[in-house]
PDB file of N, CA and C in Angstrom:
ATOM      1  N   MET A   1     -14.748  -3.113  23.809  1.00  0.00           N
ATOM      2  CA  MET A   1     -15.821  -3.387  24.740  1.00  0.00           C
ATOM      3  C   MET A   1     -15.342  -3.149  26.180  1.00  0.00           C
ATOM      4  N   ILE A   2     -16.282  -2.794  27.000  1.00  0.00           N
ATOM      5  CA  ILE A   2     -16.001  -2.585  28.415  1.00  0.00           C
ATOM      6  C   ILE A   2     -16.252  -3.902  29.137  1.00  0.00           C
ATOM      7  N   PRO A   3     -15.258  -4.391  29.895  1.00  0.00           N
ATOM      8  CA  PRO A   3     -15.423  -5.680  30.581  1.00  0.00           C
ATOM      9  C   PRO A   3     -16.641  -5.662  31.507  1.00  0.00           C
ATOM     10  N   GLY A   4     -17.415  -6.729  31.461  1.00  0.00           N
ATOM     11  CA  GLY A   4     -18.580  -6.876  32.334  1.00  0.00           C
ATOM     12  C   GLY A   4     -19.827  -6.182  31.821  1.00  0.00           C
ATOM     13  N   MET A   5     -19.748  -5.445  30.723  1.00  0.00           N
ATOM     14  CA  MET A   5     -20.925  -4.748  30.196  1.00  0.00           C
ATOM     15  C   MET A   5     -21.585  -5.610  29.134  1.00  0.00           C
ATOM     16  N   ASN A   6     -22.877  -5.684  29.195  1.00  0.00           N
ATOM     17  CA  ASN A   6     -23.668  -6.431  28.238  1.00  0.00           C
ATOM     18  C   ASN A   6     -23.500  -5.798  26.849  1.00  0.00           C
ATOM     19  N   PRO A   7     -23.187  -6.595  25.814  1.00  0.00           N
ATOM     20  CA  PRO A   7     -23.005  -6.038  24.469  1.00  0.00           C
ATOM     21  C   PRO A   7     -24.234  -5.265  23.970  1.00  0.00           C
ATOM     22  N   ARG A   8     -25.414  -5.729  24.343  1.00  0.00           N
ATOM     23  CA  ARG A   8     -26.640  -5.038  23.921  1.00  0.00           C
ATOM     24  C   ARG A   8     -26.722  -3.647  24.573  1.00  0.00           C
ATOM     25  N   ASP A   9     -26.375  -3.577  25.867  1.00  0.00           N
ATOM     26  CA  ASP A   9     -26.361  -2.288  26.565  1.00  0.00           C
ATOM     27  C   ASP A   9     -25.297  -1.372  25.957  1.00  0.00           C
ATOM     28  N   MET A  10     -24.180  -1.946  25.582  1.00  0.00           N
ATOM     29  CA  MET A  10     -23.111  -1.173  24.959  1.00  0.00           C
ATOM     30  C   MET A  10     -23.590  -0.566  23.644  1.00  0.00           C
ATOM     31  N   GLN A  11     -24.296  -1.335  22.831  1.00  0.00           N
ATOM     32  CA  GLN A  11     -24.831  -0.830  21.564  1.00  0.00           C
ATOM     33  C   GLN A  11     -25.799   0.329  21.799  1.00  0.00           C
ATOM     34  N   ARG A  12     -26.682   0.189  22.798  1.00  0.00           N
ATOM     35  CA  ARG A  12     -27.638   1.266  23.122  1.00  0.00           C
ATOM     36  C   ARG A  12     -26.906   2.527  23.570  1.00  0.00           C
ATOM     37  N   ALA A  13     -25.898   2.360  24.412  1.00  0.00           N
ATOM     38  CA  ALA A  13     -25.135   3.512  24.900  1.00  0.00           C
ATOM     39  C   ALA A  13     -24.420   4.210  23.739  1.00  0.00           C
ATOM     40  N   MET A  14     -23.854   3.432  22.830  1.00  0.00           N
ATOM     41  CA  MET A  14     -23.172   4.011  21.673  1.00  0.00           C
ATOM     42  C   MET A  14     -24.161   4.772  20.797  1.00  0.00           C
ATOM     43  N   LYS A  15     -25.352   4.224  20.618  1.00  0.00           N
ATOM     44  CA  LYS A  15     -26.378   4.875  19.799  1.00  0.00           C
ATOM     45  C   LYS A  15     -26.785   6.206  20.420  1.00  0.00           C
ATOM     46  N   ARG A  16     -26.960   6.241  21.758  1.00  0.00           N
ATOM     47  CA  ARG A  16     -27.331   7.488  22.439  1.00  0.00           C
ATOM     48  C   ARG A  16     -26.247   8.549  22.276  1.00  0.00           C
ATOM     49  N   LEU A  17     -24.984   8.127  22.221  1.00  0.00           N
ATOM     50  CA  LEU A  17     -23.873   9.062  22.070  1.00  0.00           C
ATOM     51  C   LEU A  17     -23.607   9.440  20.613  1.00  0.00           C
ATOM     52  N   GLY A  18     -24.386   8.877  19.706  1.00  0.00           N
ATOM     53  CA  GLY A  18     -24.202   9.183  18.281  1.00  0.00           C
ATOM     54  C   GLY A  18     -23.040   8.449  17.655  1.00  0.00           C
ATOM     55  N   ILE A  19     -22.700   7.310  18.215  1.00  0.00           N
ATOM     56  CA  ILE A  19     -21.580   6.512  17.696  1.00  0.00           C
ATOM     57  C   ILE A  19     -22.143   5.348  16.890  1.00  0.00           C
ATOM     58  N   LYS A  20     -21.705   5.260  15.634  1.00  0.00           N
ATOM     59  CA  LYS A  20     -22.132   4.149  14.773  1.00  0.00           C
ATOM     60  C   LYS A  20     -20.906   3.303  14.452  1.00  0.00           C
ATOM     61  N   GLN A  21     -21.058   2.000  14.582  1.00  0.00           N
ATOM     62  CA  GLN A  21     -19.952   1.089  14.279  1.00  0.00           C
ATOM     63  C   GLN A  21     -20.405   0.112  13.208  1.00  0.00           C
ATOM     64  N   GLU A  22     -19.529  -0.090  12.241  1.00  0.00           N
ATOM     65  CA  GLU A  22     -19.829  -0.989  11.124  1.00  0.00           C
ATOM     66  C   GLU A  22     -18.634  -1.911  10.909  1.00  0.00           C
ATOM     67  N   GLU A  23     -18.895  -3.207  10.780  1.00  0.00           N
ATOM     68  CA  GLU A  23     -17.828  -4.174  10.500  1.00  0.00           C
ATOM     69  C   GLU A  23     -17.596  -4.200   8.990  1.00  0.00           C
ATOM     70  N   ILE A  24     -16.340  -4.211   8.580  1.00  0.00           N
ATOM     71  CA  ILE A  24     -15.978  -4.252   7.164  1.00  0.00           C
ATOM     72  C   ILE A  24     -15.338  -5.600   6.871  1.00  0.00           C
ATOM     73  N   ASP A  25     -15.844  -6.264   5.831  1.00  0.00           N
ATOM     74  CA  ASP A  25     -15.337  -7.577   5.453  1.00  0.00           C
ATOM     75  C   ASP A  25     -14.078  -7.398   4.595  1.00  0.00           C
ATOM     76  N   ALA A  26     -12.954  -7.113   5.242  1.00  0.00           N
ATOM     77  CA  ALA A  26     -11.697  -6.870   4.539  1.00  0.00           C
ATOM     78  C   ALA A  26     -10.884  -8.156   4.453  1.00  0.00           C
ATOM     79  N   GLN A  27     -10.161  -8.310   3.352  1.00  0.00           N
ATOM     80  CA  GLN A  27      -9.297  -9.468   3.175  1.00  0.00           C
ATOM     81  C   GLN A  27      -7.854  -9.135   3.515  1.00  0.00           C
ATOM     82  N   GLU A  28      -7.492  -7.847   3.332  1.00  0.00           N
ATOM     83  CA  GLU A  28      -6.122  -7.434   3.571  1.00  0.00           C
ATOM     84  C   GLU A  28      -6.098  -5.922   3.777  1.00  0.00           C
ATOM     85  N   VAL A  29      -5.238  -5.462   4.669  1.00  0.00           N
ATOM     86  CA  VAL A  29      -5.048  -4.026   4.892  1.00  0.00           C
ATOM     87  C   VAL A  29      -3.582  -3.725   4.642  1.00  0.00           C
ATOM     88  N   ILE A  30      -3.316  -2.697   3.821  1.00  0.00           N
ATOM     89  CA  ILE A  30      -1.946  -2.309   3.515  1.00  0.00           C
ATOM     90  C   ILE A  30      -1.746  -0.858   3.933  1.00  0.00           C
ATOM     91  N   ILE A  31      -0.721  -0.637   4.741  1.00  0.00           N
ATOM     92  CA  ILE A  31      -0.347   0.710   5.154  1.00  0.00           C
ATOM     93  C   ILE A  31       1.034   0.968   4.577  1.00  0.00           C
ATOM     94  N   ARG A  32       1.145   2.007   3.719  1.00  0.00           N
ATOM     95  CA  ARG A  32       2.425   2.323   3.101  1.00  0.00           C
ATOM     96  C   ARG A  32       3.009   3.577   3.752  1.00  0.00           C
ATOM     97  N   THR A  33       4.261   3.464   4.138  1.00  0.00           N
ATOM     98  CA  THR A  33       4.999   4.617   4.640  1.00  0.00           C
ATOM     99  C   THR A  33       6.107   4.902   3.641  1.00  0.00           C
ATOM    100  N   SER A  34       6.938   5.867   3.925  1.00  0.00           N
ATOM    101  CA  SER A  34       7.993   6.215   2.976  1.00  0.00           C
ATOM    102  C   SER A  34       9.042   5.115   2.828  1.00  0.00           C
ATOM    103  N   ASP A  35       9.190   4.271   3.847  1.00  0.00           N
ATOM    104  CA  ASP A  35      10.244   3.262   3.775  1.00  0.00           C
ATOM    105  C   ASP A  35       9.786   1.822   3.955  1.00  0.00           C
ATOM    106  N   LYS A  36       8.482   1.597   4.239  1.00  0.00           N
ATOM    107  CA  LYS A  36       8.024   0.217   4.422  1.00  0.00           C
ATOM    108  C   LYS A  36       6.529   0.089   4.153  1.00  0.00           C
ATOM    109  N   GLU A  37       6.100  -1.159   4.008  1.00  0.00           N
ATOM    110  CA  GLU A  37       4.686  -1.507   3.910  1.00  0.00           C
ATOM    111  C   GLU A  37       4.339  -2.384   5.100  1.00  0.00           C
ATOM    112  N   ILE A  38       3.208  -2.095   5.713  1.00  0.00           N
ATOM    113  CA  ILE A  38       2.698  -2.944   6.784  1.00  0.00           C
ATOM    114  C   ILE A  38       1.475  -3.636   6.203  1.00  0.00           C
ATOM    115  N   ILE A  39       1.531  -4.963   6.117  1.00  0.00           N
ATOM    116  CA  ILE A  39       0.446  -5.741   5.515  1.00  0.00           C
ATOM    117  C   ILE A  39      -0.209  -6.578   6.603  1.00  0.00           C
ATOM    118  N   ILE A  40      -1.536  -6.428   6.713  1.00  0.00           N
ATOM    119  CA  ILE A  40      -2.301  -7.191   7.688  1.00  0.00           C
ATOM    120  C   ILE A  40      -3.272  -8.071   6.906  1.00  0.00           C
ATOM    121  N   LYS A  41      -3.030  -9.386   6.939  1.00  0.00           N
ATOM    122  CA  LYS A  41      -3.883 -10.336   6.215  1.00  0.00           C
ATOM    123  C   LYS A  41      -4.986 -10.839   7.151  1.00  0.00           C
ATOM    124  N   ASN A  42      -6.146 -11.139   6.577  1.00  0.00           N
ATOM    125  CA  ASN A  42      -7.326 -11.601   7.316  1.00  0.00           C
ATOM    126  C   ASN A  42      -7.625 -10.723   8.541  1.00  0.00           C
ATOM    127  N   PRO A  43      -7.711  -9.408   8.336  1.00  0.00           N
ATOM    128  CA  PRO A  43      -7.933  -8.519   9.477  1.00  0.00           C
ATOM    129  C   PRO A  43      -9.401  -8.448   9.880  1.00  0.00           C
ATOM    130  N   LYS A  44      -9.633  -8.015  11.103  1.00  0.00           N
ATOM    131  CA  LYS A  44     -10.974  -7.651  11.563  1.00  0.00           C
ATOM    132  C   LYS A  44     -10.985  -6.129  11.572  1.00  0.00           C
ATOM    133  N   VAL A  45     -11.813  -5.533  10.711  1.00  0.00           N
ATOM    134  CA  VAL A  45     -11.829  -4.080  10.557  1.00  0.00           C
ATOM    135  C   VAL A  45     -13.191  -3.539  10.961  1.00  0.00           C
ATOM    136  N   SER A  46     -13.172  -2.531  11.818  1.00  0.00           N
ATOM    137  CA  SER A  46     -14.389  -1.843  12.242  1.00  0.00           C
ATOM    138  C   SER A  46     -14.273  -0.378  11.858  1.00  0.00           C
ATOM    139  N   LYS A  47     -15.341   0.156  11.269  1.00  0.00           N
ATOM    140  CA  LYS A  47     -15.397   1.583  10.961  1.00  0.00           C
ATOM    141  C   LYS A  47     -16.303   2.219  12.002  1.00  0.00           C
ATOM    142  N   VAL A  48     -15.789   3.212  12.703  1.00  0.00           N
ATOM    143  CA  VAL A  48     -16.534   3.875  13.761  1.00  0.00           C
ATOM    144  C   VAL A  48     -16.753   5.319  13.345  1.00  0.00           C
ATOM    145  N   ASN A  49     -18.039   5.745  13.354  1.00  0.00           N
ATOM    146  CA  ASN A  49     -18.389   7.122  13.031  1.00  0.00           C
ATOM    147  C   ASN A  49     -18.892   7.775  14.308  1.00  0.00           C
ATOM    148  N   MET A  50     -18.118   8.743  14.794  1.00  0.00           N
ATOM    149  CA  MET A  50     -18.495   9.453  16.005  1.00  0.00           C
ATOM    150  C   MET A  50     -18.597  10.936  15.673  1.00  0.00           C
ATOM    151  N   MET A  51     -19.837  11.433  15.659  1.00  0.00           N
ATOM    152  CA  MET A  51     -20.112  12.840  15.372  1.00  0.00           C
ATOM    153  C   MET A  51     -19.464  13.286  14.058  1.00  0.00           C
ATOM    154  N   GLY A  52     -19.591  12.469  13.018  1.00  0.00           N
ATOM    155  CA  GLY A  52     -19.085  12.809  11.695  1.00  0.00           C
ATOM    156  C   GLY A  52     -17.618  12.487  11.461  1.00  0.00           C
ATOM    157  N   GLN A  53     -16.912  12.091  12.486  1.00  0.00           N
ATOM    158  CA  GLN A  53     -15.492  11.738  12.357  1.00  0.00           C
ATOM    159  C   GLN A  53     -15.371  10.226  12.219  1.00  0.00           C
ATOM    160  N   GLU A  54     -14.845   9.759  11.078  1.00  0.00           N
ATOM    161  CA  GLU A  54     -14.696   8.325  10.854  1.00  0.00           C
ATOM    162  C   GLU A  54     -13.299   7.863  11.266  1.00  0.00           C
ATOM    163  N   THR A  55     -13.255   6.776  12.011  1.00  0.00           N
ATOM    164  CA  THR A  55     -11.993   6.137  12.364  1.00  0.00           C
ATOM    165  C   THR A  55     -12.110   4.650  12.056  1.00  0.00           C
ATOM    166  N   PHE A  56     -10.973   4.009  11.876  1.00  0.00           N
ATOM    167  CA  PHE A  56     -10.946   2.585  11.582  1.00  0.00           C
ATOM    168  C   PHE A  56     -10.126   1.879  12.646  1.00  0.00           C
ATOM    169  N   GLN A  57     -10.644   0.751  13.096  1.00  0.00           N
ATOM    170  CA  GLN A  57      -9.933  -0.085  14.055  1.00  0.00           C
ATOM    171  C   GLN A  57      -9.583  -1.380  13.333  1.00  0.00           C
ATOM    172  N   ILE A  58      -8.300  -1.739  13.357  1.00  0.00           N
ATOM    173  CA  ILE A  58      -7.824  -2.926  12.648  1.00  0.00           C
ATOM    174  C   ILE A  58      -7.173  -3.865  13.645  1.00  0.00           C
ATOM    175  N   ILE A  59      -7.626  -5.117  13.630  1.00  0.00           N
ATOM    176  CA  ILE A  59      -7.051  -6.141  14.502  1.00  0.00           C
ATOM    177  C   ILE A  59      -6.505  -7.245  13.610  1.00  0.00           C
ATOM    178  N   GLY A  60      -5.274  -7.655  13.830  1.00  0.00           N
ATOM    179  CA  GLY A  60      -4.674  -8.724  13.040  1.00  0.00           C
ATOM    180  C   GLY A  60      -3.175  -8.782  13.264  1.00  0.00           C
ATOM    181  N   GLN A  61      -2.547  -9.690  12.569  1.00  0.00           N
ATOM    182  CA  GLN A  61      -1.096  -9.876  12.675  1.00  0.00           C
ATOM    183  C   GLN A  61      -0.404  -9.114  11.548  1.00  0.00           C
ATOM    184  N   PRO A  62       0.364  -8.078  11.877  1.00  0.00           N
ATOM    185  CA  PRO A  62       1.039  -7.313  10.825  1.00  0.00           C
ATOM    186  C   PRO A  62       2.338  -7.962  10.358  1.00  0.00           C
ATOM    187  N   GLU A  63       2.637  -7.742   9.090  1.00  0.00           N
ATOM    188  CA  GLU A  63       3.918  -8.128   8.497  1.00  0.00           C
ATOM    189  C   GLU A  63       4.520  -6.857   7.924  1.00  0.00           C
ATOM    190  N   GLU A  64       5.790  -6.601   8.193  1.00  0.00           N
ATOM    191  CA  GLU A  64       6.444  -5.413   7.652  1.00  0.00           C
ATOM    192  C   GLU A  64       7.402  -5.806   6.537  1.00  0.00           C
ATOM    193  N   HIS A  65       7.353  -5.031   5.458  1.00  0.00           N
ATOM    194  CA  HIS A  65       8.233  -5.250   4.315  1.00  0.00           C
ATOM    195  C   HIS A  65       8.871  -3.924   3.924  1.00  0.00           C
ATOM    196  N   PRO A  66      10.194  -3.876   3.781  1.00  0.00           N
ATOM    197  CA  PRO A  66      10.831  -2.619   3.355  1.00  0.00           C
ATOM    198  C   PRO A  66      10.477  -2.310   1.901  1.00  0.00           C
ATOM    199  N   ILE A  67      10.418  -1.028   1.583  1.00  0.00           N
ATOM    200  CA  ILE A  67      10.150  -0.592   0.213  1.00  0.00           C
ATOM    201  C   ILE A  67      11.475  -0.221  -0.426  1.00  0.00           C
ATOM    202  N   SER A  68      11.740  -0.777  -1.591  1.00  0.00           N
ATOM    203  CA  SER A  68      12.966  -0.474  -2.319  1.00  0.00           C
ATOM    204  C   SER A  68      12.770   0.827  -3.081  1.00  0.00           C
ATOM    205  N   SER A  69      13.770   1.688  -3.039  1.00  0.00           N
ATOM    206  CA  SER A  69      13.681   2.953  -3.764  1.00  0.00           C
ATOM    207  C   SER A  69      14.063   2.792  -5.232  1.00  0.00           C
ATOM    208  N   GLU A  70      14.662   1.666  -5.562  1.00  0.00           N
ATOM    209  CA  GLU A  70      15.050   1.432  -6.952  1.00  0.00           C
ATOM    210  C   GLU A  70      13.868   0.884  -7.740  1.00  0.00           C
ATOM    211  N   PRO A  71      13.704   1.337  -9.000  1.00  0.00           N
ATOM    212  CA  PRO A  71      12.597   0.823  -9.810  1.00  0.00           C
ATOM    213  C   PRO A  71      12.815  -0.651 -10.150  1.00  0.00           C
ATOM    214  N   GLU A  72      11.712  -1.379 -10.287  1.00  0.00           N
ATOM    215  CA  GLU A  72      11.797  -2.784 -10.684  1.00  0.00           C
ATOM    216  C   GLU A  72      12.104  -2.830 -12.174  1.00  0.00           C
ATOM    217  N   ILE A  73      13.135  -3.556 -12.530  1.00  0.00           N
ATOM    218  CA  ILE A  73      13.552  -3.608 -13.931  1.00  0.00           C
ATOM    219  C   ILE A  73      13.124  -4.937 -14.528  1.00  0.00           C
ATOM    220  N   ASN A  74      12.289  -4.862 -15.538  1.00  0.00           N
ATOM    221  CA  ASN A  74      11.725  -6.012 -16.225  1.00  0.00           C
ATOM    222  C   ASN A  74      12.662  -6.390 -17.383  1.00  0.00           C
ATOM    223  N   GLU A  75      12.900  -7.672 -17.562  1.00  0.00           N
ATOM    224  CA  GLU A  75      13.798  -8.143 -18.631  1.00  0.00           C
ATOM    225  C   GLU A  75      13.280  -7.750 -20.014  1.00  0.00           C
ATOM    226  N   ASP A  76      11.951  -7.786 -20.200  1.00  0.00           N
ATOM    227  CA  ASP A  76      11.379  -7.381 -21.500  1.00  0.00           C
ATOM    228  C   ASP A  76      11.640  -5.905 -21.770  1.00  0.00           C
ATOM    229  N   ASP A  77      11.566  -5.077 -20.708  1.00  0.00           N
ATOM    230  CA  ASP A  77      11.839  -3.655 -20.857  1.00  0.00           C
ATOM    231  C   ASP A  77      13.291  -3.440 -21.286  1.00  0.00           C
ATOM    232  N   ILE A  78      14.200  -4.197 -20.695  1.00  0.00           N
ATOM    233  CA  ILE A  78      15.621  -4.078 -21.047  1.00  0.00           C
ATOM    234  C   ILE A  78      15.831  -4.433 -22.514  1.00  0.00           C
ATOM    235  N   LYS A  79      15.229  -5.530 -22.958  1.00  0.00           N
ATOM    236  CA  LYS A  79      15.370  -5.951 -24.354  1.00  0.00           C
ATOM    237  C   LYS A  79      14.811  -4.899 -25.306  1.00  0.00           C
ATOM    238  N   THR A  80      13.655  -4.333 -24.947  1.00  0.00           N
ATOM    239  CA  THR A  80      13.026  -3.306 -25.787  1.00  0.00           C
ATOM    240  C   THR A  80      13.929  -2.090 -25.919  1.00  0.00           C
ATOM    241  N   VAL A  81      14.476  -1.623 -24.812  1.00  0.00           N
ATOM    242  CA  VAL A  81      15.360  -0.447 -24.840  1.00  0.00           C
ATOM    243  C   VAL A  81      16.630  -0.769 -25.615  1.00  0.00           C
ATOM    244  N   MET A  82      17.172  -1.974 -25.437  1.00  0.00           N
ATOM    245  CA  MET A  82      18.377  -2.361 -26.175  1.00  0.00           C
ATOM    246  C   MET A  82      18.110  -2.350 -27.679  1.00  0.00           C
ATOM    247  N   GLN A  83      16.943  -2.863 -28.099  1.00  0.00           N
ATOM    248  CA  GLN A  83      16.599  -2.878 -29.517  1.00  0.00           C
ATOM    249  C   GLN A  83      16.427  -1.461 -30.064  1.00  0.00           C
ATOM    250  N   GLN A  84      15.825  -0.595 -29.282  1.00  0.00           N
ATOM    251  CA  GLN A  84      15.562   0.773 -29.728  1.00  0.00           C
ATOM    252  C   GLN A  84      16.832   1.630 -29.795  1.00  0.00           C
ATOM    253  N   THR A  85      17.781   1.338 -28.902  1.00  0.00           N
ATOM    254  CA  THR A  85      18.952   2.220 -28.790  1.00  0.00           C
ATOM    255  C   THR A  85      20.267   1.589 -29.227  1.00  0.00           C
ATOM    256  N   GLY A  86      20.348   0.269 -29.214  1.00  0.00           N
ATOM    257  CA  GLY A  86      21.603  -0.406 -29.536  1.00  0.00           C
ATOM    258  C   GLY A  86      22.595  -0.375 -28.382  1.00  0.00           C
ATOM    259  N   ALA A  87      22.155   0.058 -27.213  1.00  0.00           N
ATOM    260  CA  ALA A  87      23.034   0.139 -26.042  1.00  0.00           C
ATOM    261  C   ALA A  87      23.198  -1.239 -25.409  1.00  0.00           C
ATOM    262  N   THR A  88      24.250  -1.378 -24.617  1.00  0.00           N
ATOM    263  CA  THR A  88      24.509  -2.644 -23.930  1.00  0.00           C
ATOM    264  C   THR A  88      23.529  -2.818 -22.768  1.00  0.00           C
ATOM    265  N   GLU A  89      23.388  -4.056 -22.328  1.00  0.00           N
ATOM    266  CA  GLU A  89      22.472  -4.351 -21.228  1.00  0.00           C
ATOM    267  C   GLU A  89      22.855  -3.584 -19.964  1.00  0.00           C
ATOM    268  N   GLU A  90      24.142  -3.547 -19.682  1.00  0.00           N
ATOM    269  CA  GLU A  90      24.626  -2.839 -18.486  1.00  0.00           C
ATOM    270  C   GLU A  90      24.262  -1.350 -18.538  1.00  0.00           C
ATOM    271  N   LYS A  91      24.479  -0.751 -19.720  1.00  0.00           N
ATOM    272  CA  LYS A  91      24.177   0.676 -19.887  1.00  0.00           C
ATOM    273  C   LYS A  91      22.671   0.929 -19.780  1.00  0.00           C
ATOM    274  N   VAL A  92      21.866   0.016 -20.313  1.00  0.00           N
ATOM    275  CA  VAL A  92      20.406   0.148 -20.256  1.00  0.00           C
ATOM    276  C   VAL A  92      19.934   0.068 -18.809  1.00  0.00           C
ATOM    277  N   ARG A  93      20.424  -0.907 -18.062  1.00  0.00           N
ATOM    278  CA  ARG A  93      20.033  -1.040 -16.648  1.00  0.00           C
ATOM    279  C   ARG A  93      20.367   0.224 -15.864  1.00  0.00           C
ATOM    280  N   GLU A  94      21.554   0.734 -16.075  1.00  0.00           N
ATOM    281  CA  GLU A  94      22.006   1.946 -15.386  1.00  0.00           C
ATOM    282  C   GLU A  94      21.113   3.139 -15.746  1.00  0.00           C
ATOM    283  N   SER A  95      20.786   3.255 -17.026  1.00  0.00           N
ATOM    284  CA  SER A  95      19.964   4.370 -17.489  1.00  0.00           C
ATOM    285  C   SER A  95      18.525   4.270 -16.972  1.00  0.00           C
ATOM    286  N   ILE A  96      17.986   3.060 -16.888  1.00  0.00           N
ATOM    287  CA  ILE A  96      16.625   2.879 -16.344  1.00  0.00           C
ATOM    288  C   ILE A  96      16.592   3.329 -14.889  1.00  0.00           C
ATOM    289  N   LYS A  97      17.625   2.990 -14.124  1.00  0.00           N
ATOM    290  CA  LYS A  97      17.702   3.428 -12.721  1.00  0.00           C
ATOM    291  C   LYS A  97      17.783   4.947 -12.633  1.00  0.00           C
ATOM    292  N   GLU A  98      18.634   5.546 -13.473  1.00  0.00           N
ATOM    293  CA  GLU A  98      18.797   7.005 -13.470  1.00  0.00           C
ATOM    294  C   GLU A  98      17.492   7.714 -13.817  1.00  0.00           C
ATOM    295  N   ASN A  99      16.713   7.121 -14.719  1.00  0.00           N
ATOM    296  CA  ASN A  99      15.453   7.722 -15.164  1.00  0.00           C
ATOM    297  C   ASN A  99      14.251   7.211 -14.374  1.00  0.00           C
ATOM    298  N   GLU A 100      14.524   6.596 -13.227  1.00  0.00           N
ATOM    299  CA  GLU A 100      13.495   6.129 -12.284  1.00  0.00           C
ATOM    300  C   GLU A 100      12.439   5.242 -12.947  1.00  0.00           C
ATOM    301  N   GLY A 101      12.891   4.370 -13.858  1.00  0.00           N
ATOM    302  CA  GLY A 101      11.994   3.399 -14.472  1.00  0.00           C
ATOM    303  C   GLY A 101      11.224   3.908 -15.673  1.00  0.00           C
ATOM    304  N   ASP A 102      11.390   5.170 -16.049  1.00  0.00           N
ATOM    305  CA  ASP A 102      10.681   5.752 -17.196  1.00  0.00           C
ATOM    306  C   ASP A 102      11.393   5.319 -18.482  1.00  0.00           C
ATOM    307  N   LEU A 103      10.748   4.398 -19.231  1.00  0.00           N
ATOM    308  CA  LEU A 103      11.392   3.836 -20.426  1.00  0.00           C
ATOM    309  C   LEU A 103      11.542   4.849 -21.548  1.00  0.00           C
ATOM    310  N   ALA A 104      10.570   5.728 -21.715  1.00  0.00           N
ATOM    311  CA  ALA A 104      10.659   6.737 -22.774  1.00  0.00           C
ATOM    312  C   ALA A 104      11.854   7.661 -22.527  1.00  0.00           C
ATOM    313  N   LYS A 105      12.026   8.112 -21.290  1.00  0.00           N
ATOM    314  CA  LYS A 105      13.175   8.963 -20.948  1.00  0.00           C
ATOM    315  C   LYS A 105      14.477   8.196 -21.146  1.00  0.00           C
ATOM    316  N   THR A 106      14.453   6.922 -20.786  1.00  0.00           N
ATOM    317  CA  THR A 106      15.648   6.095 -20.933  1.00  0.00           C
ATOM    318  C   THR A 106      16.062   5.994 -22.393  1.00  0.00           C
ATOM    319  N   ILE A 107      15.103   5.718 -23.257  1.00  0.00           N
ATOM    320  CA  ILE A 107      15.402   5.591 -24.701  1.00  0.00           C
ATOM    321  C   ILE A 107      15.926   6.906 -25.244  1.00  0.00           C
ATOM    322  N   LEU A 108      15.258   8.008 -24.896  1.00  0.00           N
ATOM    323  CA  LEU A 108      15.705   9.313 -25.392  1.00  0.00           C
ATOM    324  C   LEU A 108      17.106   9.662 -24.896  1.00  0.00           C
ATOM    325  N   SER A 109      17.385   9.363 -23.628  1.00  0.00           N
ATOM    326  CA  SER A 109      18.716   9.699 -23.083  1.00  0.00           C
ATOM    327  C   SER A 109      19.811   8.851 -23.721  1.00  0.00           C
ATOM    328  N   LEU A 110      19.498   7.603 -24.038  1.00  0.00           N
ATOM    329  CA  LEU A 110      20.506   6.730 -24.652  1.00  0.00           C
ATOM    330  C   LEU A 110      20.723   7.036 -26.135  1.00  0.00           C
ATOM    331  N   LYS A 111      19.719   7.623 -26.799  1.00  0.00           N
ATOM    332  CA  LYS A 111      19.856   7.968 -28.207  1.00  0.00           C
ATOM    333  C   LYS A 111      20.660   9.246 -28.411  1.00  0.00           C
ATOM    334  N   GLU A 112      20.784  10.056 -27.360  1.00  0.00           N
ATOM    335  CA  GLU A 112      21.525  11.323 -27.482  1.00  0.00           C
ATOM    336  C   GLU A 112      23.011  11.098 -27.559  1.00  0.00           C
TER     337      GLU A 112
END
């Protein structure tokens, strides 16, 4: 908003310029980059359409979390692979990491 301008006048001016603004009832906004996630909880989100180009304005408190490149290893997955292959837990964990979390590839590689 422009300081000192009446909100109603602002809406009329935006309409004349072909600008449409819509409030979005968002609960959370997540932005993922190659190395982190930016999470904005309880954000105020506005979608602005200006001459066919949509942009989003997000207001809120961001939290940054690093993204781990290693796959999440589930204990049940480890037990399943151990039963299928007879390999040790240490070897299974190592193989799951090497196969980027793909259990089928892990089982096949350990059976060879």
